[in-house]
N, C-alpha and C. Protein backbone atom coordinates (compact mmCIF):
# COMPACT_ATOMS: atom_id res chain seq x y z
N MET A 1 0.31 -1.24 -0.08
CA MET A 1 0.19 0.03 0.01
C MET A 1 0.96 1.44 -0.07
N GLU A 2 0.54 2.56 -1.03
CA GLU A 2 1.23 3.33 -0.83
C GLU A 2 0.56 4.94 -1.19
N ASN A 3 0.64 5.74 -0.38
CA ASN A 3 -0.33 7.01 -0.63
C ASN A 3 0.83 8.57 -1.30
N VAL A 4 0.13 9.14 -1.77
CA VAL A 4 0.42 10.63 -2.15
C VAL A 4 -0.45 11.21 -1.12
N VAL A 5 0.85 11.97 -0.17
CA VAL A 5 0.81 12.74 1.19
C VAL A 5 0.89 14.07 1.03
N CYS A 6 1.28 14.16 0.26
CA CYS A 6 1.70 16.11 0.13
C CYS A 6 2.14 15.90 -1.63
N LYS A 7 3.31 17.19 -1.90
CA LYS A 7 3.87 17.80 -2.23
C LYS A 7 5.10 18.67 -1.95
N THR A 8 5.85 18.33 -1.95
CA THR A 8 7.60 18.61 -1.48
C THR A 8 7.42 19.54 -1.47
N SER A 9 6.82 20.91 -1.51
CA SER A 9 6.64 21.75 -1.22
C SER A 9 5.62 22.75 -0.41
N GLU A 10 5.31 21.37 -0.07
CA GLU A 10 3.50 21.60 0.82
C GLU A 10 4.03 21.43 2.53
N LEU A 11 5.46 20.89 2.63
CA LEU A 11 6.66 20.65 4.14
C LEU A 11 6.91 21.38 3.70
N GLN A 12 7.54 22.08 4.58
CA GLN A 12 9.10 23.18 4.76
C GLN A 12 10.37 22.62 6.23
N PRO A 13 11.55 22.62 5.54
CA PRO A 13 12.03 21.66 6.45
C PRO A 13 11.28 22.19 7.86
N GLY A 14 12.06 21.51 8.44
CA GLY A 14 11.46 21.09 9.97
C GLY A 14 10.31 21.59 10.60
N GLU A 15 9.03 20.99 9.56
CA GLU A 15 7.83 21.11 9.35
C GLU A 15 6.99 19.67 9.51
N MET A 16 6.21 19.36 10.21
CA MET A 16 5.47 17.89 9.79
C MET A 16 4.11 17.82 9.54
N MET A 17 3.28 17.18 9.50
CA MET A 17 1.91 17.14 9.08
C MET A 17 1.52 15.69 9.25
N GLU A 18 -0.32 15.82 9.97
CA GLU A 18 -0.47 14.56 9.57
C GLU A 18 -1.21 14.27 8.20
N ALA A 19 -0.99 12.65 8.47
CA ALA A 19 -1.91 12.52 7.27
C ALA A 19 -2.24 10.93 7.57
N SER A 20 -2.45 10.71 5.96
CA SER A 20 -2.66 8.92 6.43
C SER A 20 -2.14 7.93 5.50
N LEU A 21 -1.84 7.07 5.99
CA LEU A 21 -1.84 6.09 4.91
C LEU A 21 -2.79 4.17 4.95
N GLY A 22 -4.44 4.91 4.21
CA GLY A 22 -4.80 3.95 3.77
C GLY A 22 -5.66 4.14 5.29
N ARG A 23 -6.16 3.84 5.68
CA ARG A 23 -6.62 4.14 7.66
C ARG A 23 -5.73 4.13 8.30
N THR A 24 -4.68 4.49 8.16
CA THR A 24 -3.25 4.47 9.14
C THR A 24 -3.06 5.82 9.18
N PRO A 25 -3.23 6.28 10.52
CA PRO A 25 -2.49 7.77 10.69
C PRO A 25 -1.58 7.78 11.36
N ILE A 26 -0.30 8.75 10.15
CA ILE A 26 0.56 8.60 10.35
C ILE A 26 1.01 10.56 10.23
N VAL A 27 2.26 10.68 10.29
CA VAL A 27 2.28 11.65 11.01
C VAL A 27 4.24 11.61 9.65
N VAL A 28 3.60 12.86 9.35
CA VAL A 28 5.50 12.96 8.20
C VAL A 28 5.60 14.43 8.40
N CYS A 29 7.00 14.45 8.71
CA CYS A 29 8.52 14.80 9.26
C CYS A 29 8.95 14.56 8.43
N ARG A 30 9.47 16.75 7.88
CA ARG A 30 10.84 17.25 7.28
C ARG A 30 11.48 17.99 7.79
N THR A 31 13.42 16.71 8.25
CA THR A 31 14.23 18.00 8.88
C THR A 31 14.80 18.96 8.63
N LEU A 32 16.10 19.62 9.01
CA LEU A 32 16.20 20.88 7.98
C LEU A 32 17.43 20.37 7.23
N ASP A 33 17.67 19.32 7.40
CA ASP A 33 18.48 19.17 5.81
C ASP A 33 17.26 18.69 4.29
N GLY A 34 15.85 18.76 4.71
CA GLY A 34 15.39 18.29 3.66
C GLY A 34 14.40 16.87 3.38
N ASP A 35 15.21 16.18 4.67
CA ASP A 35 15.13 14.23 4.47
C ASP A 35 13.06 14.39 4.83
N PHE A 36 12.78 12.97 4.41
CA PHE A 36 11.05 13.08 4.84
C PHE A 36 10.73 11.78 5.33
N TYR A 37 10.62 11.94 6.79
CA TYR A 37 10.15 10.83 7.79
C TYR A 37 8.32 10.61 7.41
N ALA A 38 8.72 9.66 7.93
CA ALA A 38 6.66 8.78 8.54
C ALA A 38 6.79 8.15 9.04
N PHE A 39 6.41 8.46 10.08
CA PHE A 39 5.59 7.27 11.53
C PHE A 39 4.00 6.97 12.09
N SER A 40 3.80 6.09 12.77
CA SER A 40 2.83 5.87 13.44
C SER A 40 2.37 7.10 14.00
N ASN A 41 1.03 8.46 13.61
CA ASN A 41 1.06 8.83 14.52
C ASN A 41 0.44 8.80 15.79
N ARG A 42 0.52 8.08 16.48
CA ARG A 42 -0.13 6.96 18.11
C ARG A 42 1.40 6.59 18.12
N CYS A 43 1.56 7.84 19.64
CA CYS A 43 2.70 7.25 20.35
C CYS A 43 2.69 6.27 20.71
N ILE A 44 3.98 5.51 20.91
CA ILE A 44 4.17 3.96 21.73
C ILE A 44 3.89 3.42 23.47
N HIS A 45 3.73 5.34 23.81
CA HIS A 45 3.22 5.03 25.65
C HIS A 45 1.89 5.01 25.38
N GLN A 46 1.87 6.03 25.14
CA GLN A 46 -0.19 5.40 25.46
C GLN A 46 -1.32 6.60 24.82
N GLY A 47 -0.64 6.92 23.58
CA GLY A 47 -1.51 6.40 22.09
C GLY A 47 -1.48 8.22 21.45
N GLY A 48 -0.64 9.42 22.37
CA GLY A 48 -0.52 10.35 22.11
C GLY A 48 -1.00 10.48 20.45
N PRO A 49 -1.07 11.77 20.23
CA PRO A 49 -1.52 12.16 18.90
C PRO A 49 0.02 12.74 18.43
N MET A 50 0.84 12.02 17.37
CA MET A 50 2.19 12.70 17.22
C MET A 50 2.19 13.54 16.65
N SER A 51 2.24 14.29 15.83
CA SER A 51 1.31 15.10 14.68
C SER A 51 1.23 16.63 15.49
N LYS A 52 0.06 16.48 16.77
CA LYS A 52 -0.08 17.43 17.85
C LYS A 52 0.98 17.77 18.94
N GLY A 53 1.96 17.17 18.54
CA GLY A 53 3.47 17.45 19.40
C GLY A 53 4.63 18.39 18.89
N VAL A 54 5.38 18.43 19.23
CA VAL A 54 6.93 19.29 18.50
C VAL A 54 8.23 18.63 17.69
N LEU A 55 8.20 19.14 16.83
CA LEU A 55 9.57 18.78 16.24
C LEU A 55 10.67 19.86 16.84
N CYS A 56 11.42 19.05 17.71
CA CYS A 56 12.73 19.73 18.26
C CYS A 56 14.05 19.75 18.46
N GLY A 57 14.38 19.86 19.38
CA GLY A 57 16.21 19.05 19.25
C GLY A 57 16.55 18.60 20.64
N THR A 58 17.42 18.64 20.78
CA THR A 58 17.84 17.41 22.35
C THR A 58 19.18 18.41 22.69
N SER A 59 19.17 18.01 23.93
CA SER A 59 20.89 17.96 24.38
C SER A 59 21.20 17.52 23.88
N VAL A 60 23.23 17.29 23.44
CA VAL A 60 24.17 16.32 22.91
C VAL A 60 25.35 16.81 23.96
N PRO A 61 26.08 15.37 23.35
CA PRO A 61 27.50 15.50 24.38
C PRO A 61 28.43 16.31 24.13
N THR A 62 29.39 16.29 24.95
CA THR A 62 30.08 17.59 25.29
C THR A 62 31.25 17.38 25.69
N ASP A 63 32.34 17.30 25.37
CA ASP A 63 34.08 16.93 26.03
C ASP A 63 33.78 17.82 27.47
N ARG A 64 33.23 19.25 27.26
CA ARG A 64 32.92 19.40 28.87
C ARG A 64 32.22 19.30 29.93
N PRO A 65 32.67 18.44 31.86
CA PRO A 65 31.65 17.82 32.02
C PRO A 65 30.98 19.46 32.43
N GLY A 66 29.84 19.38 32.55
CA GLY A 66 29.12 20.68 33.07
C GLY A 66 28.41 21.09 32.10
N GLU A 67 28.94 20.99 31.11
CA GLU A 67 28.13 21.68 29.97
C GLU A 67 27.50 21.13 29.27
N TYR A 68 25.93 22.34 29.19
CA TYR A 68 25.02 22.23 28.67
C TYR A 68 25.25 22.85 27.08
N CYS A 69 24.68 21.37 25.74
CA CYS A 69 24.50 22.04 24.17
C CYS A 69 23.78 21.86 23.48
N TYR A 70 23.34 22.35 24.12
CA TYR A 70 21.57 21.92 22.51
C TYR A 70 21.65 21.82 20.71
N GLY A 71 21.36 20.39 19.87
CA GLY A 71 21.72 20.65 19.11
C GLY A 71 20.78 19.75 18.75
N ARG A 72 20.27 18.98 16.99
CA ARG A 72 19.70 17.99 16.28
C ARG A 72 18.77 18.71 16.50
N LYS A 73 18.92 20.50 15.84
CA LYS A 73 17.28 21.16 15.65
C LYS A 73 16.68 20.49 15.09
N LYS A 74 14.54 20.54 15.27
CA LYS A 74 13.89 19.69 14.27
C LYS A 74 14.43 18.35 14.11
N GLU A 75 14.84 17.32 14.89
CA GLU A 75 15.19 15.85 14.61
C GLU A 75 14.57 14.87 15.30
N ILE A 76 13.86 15.59 16.67
CA ILE A 76 13.19 15.11 17.33
C ILE A 76 11.83 14.76 17.51
N LEU A 77 11.30 14.04 17.17
CA LEU A 77 9.96 14.18 17.53
C LEU A 77 8.99 13.58 19.17
N ARG A 78 8.08 15.08 19.80
CA ARG A 78 7.86 14.59 20.60
C ARG A 78 6.31 15.23 21.08
N CYS A 79 6.07 14.27 21.78
CA CYS A 79 4.94 13.55 21.93
C CYS A 79 4.11 14.66 23.24
N PRO A 80 2.97 14.96 22.67
CA PRO A 80 1.91 16.08 23.22
C PRO A 80 1.68 15.86 25.15
N TRP A 81 1.73 14.97 25.01
CA TRP A 81 1.14 14.51 25.72
C TRP A 81 1.75 14.01 27.28
N HIS A 82 3.17 12.89 26.99
CA HIS A 82 3.96 13.15 28.77
C HIS A 82 5.22 13.26 28.54
N GLY A 83 5.85 13.96 27.19
CA GLY A 83 6.76 14.29 26.66
C GLY A 83 8.00 12.79 25.85
N ARG A 84 7.89 12.11 25.49
CA ARG A 84 8.58 11.28 25.20
C ARG A 84 9.01 12.28 23.73
N GLU A 85 10.09 11.21 23.30
CA GLU A 85 11.25 11.80 22.60
C GLU A 85 11.62 10.73 21.46
N PHE A 86 10.54 11.18 20.91
CA PHE A 86 11.37 9.78 19.49
C PHE A 86 12.54 10.35 18.00
N ASP A 87 13.72 9.90 17.79
CA ASP A 87 14.70 10.50 17.51
C ASP A 87 14.50 10.52 15.56
N VAL A 88 14.06 10.67 14.87
CA VAL A 88 13.35 10.65 13.50
C VAL A 88 14.62 10.34 12.58
N LYS A 89 15.87 10.44 12.75
CA LYS A 89 16.73 10.38 11.70
C LYS A 89 17.19 8.67 12.26
N ASN A 90 16.69 7.85 13.95
CA ASN A 90 17.10 6.56 13.49
C ASN A 90 16.06 6.15 14.05
N ASP A 91 15.08 6.43 13.01
CA ASP A 91 13.87 4.72 12.24
C ASP A 91 13.39 5.59 13.68
N GLY A 92 13.32 6.38 13.87
CA GLY A 92 11.53 6.82 15.36
C GLY A 92 12.46 6.17 16.25
N ARG A 93 13.26 5.81 17.04
CA ARG A 93 13.72 5.32 18.55
C ARG A 93 13.92 6.13 19.43
N MET A 94 12.86 5.51 20.60
CA MET A 94 12.81 6.34 21.49
C MET A 94 14.06 6.79 22.42
N LEU A 95 14.05 8.74 22.74
CA LEU A 95 15.73 8.74 23.28
C LEU A 95 16.17 8.33 24.32
N THR A 96 14.84 7.96 25.49
CA THR A 96 15.12 7.29 26.89
C THR A 96 15.35 5.48 26.42
N ASP A 97 15.10 5.19 25.81
CA ASP A 97 14.95 3.67 25.91
C ASP A 97 14.87 3.14 24.25
N PRO A 98 16.36 3.36 23.10
CA PRO A 98 16.39 3.32 21.84
C PRO A 98 15.82 1.53 21.53
N ARG A 99 15.85 1.10 22.66
CA ARG A 99 14.70 -0.23 22.04
C ARG A 99 13.67 -0.79 21.84
N ARG A 100 12.85 0.86 22.29
CA ARG A 100 11.11 0.57 21.69
C ARG A 100 11.63 2.15 20.30
N LYS A 101 10.59 1.77 19.72
CA LYS A 101 10.65 3.60 18.02
C LYS A 101 8.78 3.03 17.83
N LEU A 102 9.29 3.91 17.41
CA LEU A 102 7.59 4.61 16.83
C LEU A 102 7.61 3.35 15.54
N PRO A 103 6.56 2.29 15.21
CA PRO A 103 6.30 2.34 13.49
C PRO A 103 6.68 3.07 13.20
N SER A 104 7.51 2.84 11.94
CA SER A 104 7.80 3.50 10.77
C SER A 104 7.22 3.43 9.06
N PHE A 105 7.53 4.30 8.41
CA PHE A 105 6.72 3.37 6.96
C PHE A 105 7.97 4.52 6.39
N THR A 106 8.39 3.76 5.10
CA THR A 106 9.20 4.12 3.03
C THR A 106 8.68 5.10 2.80
N VAL A 107 9.81 6.18 3.08
CA VAL A 107 9.56 7.92 1.93
C VAL A 107 9.70 7.74 0.30
N ASP A 108 9.56 8.07 0.11
CA ASP A 108 9.99 7.78 -1.53
C ASP A 108 9.52 9.84 -1.98
N ILE A 109 10.19 10.53 -2.52
CA ILE A 109 9.91 10.72 -3.83
C ILE A 109 9.84 10.75 -5.24
N VAL A 110 9.22 11.34 -5.34
CA VAL A 110 8.51 10.87 -6.50
C VAL A 110 8.29 12.32 -7.90
N GLY A 111 9.19 12.68 -8.67
CA GLY A 111 8.31 13.90 -9.16
C GLY A 111 7.51 15.11 -8.12
N GLY A 112 8.55 15.23 -7.32
CA GLY A 112 7.55 16.30 -6.48
C GLY A 112 6.91 15.41 -5.66
N ASN A 113 6.35 14.78 -5.61
CA ASN A 113 5.17 13.89 -4.45
C ASN A 113 6.00 13.13 -2.96
N VAL A 114 5.56 12.91 -1.93
CA VAL A 114 6.06 12.66 -1.12
C VAL A 114 5.37 11.18 -0.88
N ILE A 115 5.52 10.04 -1.82
CA ILE A 115 5.33 8.96 -0.77
C ILE A 115 5.57 8.00 -0.39
N VAL A 116 4.10 7.69 0.51
CA VAL A 116 4.37 7.08 2.01
C VAL A 116 4.09 5.26 1.18
N SER A 117 4.35 4.27 1.85
CA SER A 117 4.44 3.21 1.54
C SER A 117 4.99 2.34 2.70
N LYS A 118 4.64 0.94 3.50
CA LYS A 118 4.10 0.49 4.65
C LYS A 118 5.40 -0.78 3.66
């Protein structure tokens, strides 16, 4: 199964949108480098609508103890209900427990169309 969910021009870098793949609700994310990703629109924690969350960044490791550094801007999908965070560029893996992940879907760009498939 595959669906054209939007045109590439309809989703700017750093944005996300709700869509569907057949009867399955999905969220489509576009990171700042222009790549597209698609995941289930239900958080694996308690089913929160991921498309109502935020596409944000997170703290990143540094070489200096006590130093805080924010990075990975617009690569982390945060659930609106309980703040669970998922790494968009790492197959939707949960930041606090990488063994768990959002169901993900294949995204292809053809002729300016964003096509999502299982």
